Protein backbone atom coordinates (compact mmCIF):
# COMPACT_ATOMS: atom_id res chain seq x y z
CA GLU A 1 37.25 184.17 331.37
CA ILE A 2 39.39 183.21 334.36
CA TYR A 3 41.71 181.08 332.22
CA ARG A 4 42.11 183.91 329.70
CA GLN A 5 43.11 186.38 332.41
CA ARG A 6 45.43 183.80 333.92
CA ARG A 7 47.20 183.34 330.56
CA TYR A 8 47.89 187.06 330.33
CA ALA A 9 49.08 187.28 333.92
CA LEU A 10 51.45 184.31 333.66
CA PHE A 11 52.82 185.01 330.19
CA LEU A 12 55.57 187.41 331.23
CA THR A 13 56.52 185.43 334.32
CA GLY A 14 57.48 182.37 332.27
CA THR A 15 55.10 180.07 334.11
CA ARG A 16 52.29 180.03 331.58
CA TRP A 17 53.47 176.82 329.90
CA ALA A 18 53.53 174.91 333.19
CA ASP A 19 50.09 176.23 334.09
CA GLU A 20 48.65 175.30 330.69
CA ARG A 21 50.15 171.83 331.01
CA ARG A 22 48.71 171.44 334.49
CA PHE A 23 45.18 172.18 333.24
CA GLY A 24 45.62 170.14 330.05
CA HIS A 25 45.24 173.06 327.65
CA ILE A 26 48.36 172.43 325.59
CA THR A 27 47.78 171.60 321.94
CA ASP A 28 49.93 169.13 320.07
CA ALA A 29 52.48 171.19 318.15
CA ARG A 30 52.90 168.42 315.58
CA THR A 31 49.40 169.06 314.23
CA THR A 32 50.11 172.70 313.44
CA TYR A 33 50.79 173.17 309.75
CA LEU A 34 51.77 176.34 307.96
CA PRO A 35 50.55 177.02 304.43
CA TYR A 36 52.95 176.93 301.53
CA PRO A 37 54.27 180.36 300.49
CA ALA A 38 52.59 181.88 297.44
CA GLN A 39 55.85 181.80 295.49
CA GLU A 40 56.18 178.06 296.05
CA THR A 41 52.61 177.46 294.95
CA VAL A 42 53.16 179.42 291.74
CA ALA A 43 56.47 177.66 291.03
CA ASN A 44 55.02 174.20 291.69
CA PRO A 45 51.27 173.89 290.98
CA ASN A 46 51.24 170.31 292.35
CA PRO A 47 52.62 170.55 295.91
CA PRO A 48 52.40 167.51 298.19
CA THR A 49 49.22 167.28 300.24
CA THR A 50 51.05 167.03 303.56
CA PRO A 51 54.20 168.96 304.35
């Protein structure tokens, strides 16, 4: 609960990222994948498994 309130308080001050890094709560951005758009899936029914 404290960390959640701290995130909200530090978000607008621009210090949230440094605070998250200090506590080790940053996720690896390279593991975040976005799904293929529906139009792409319809146009190509065999998309690659990894983007």
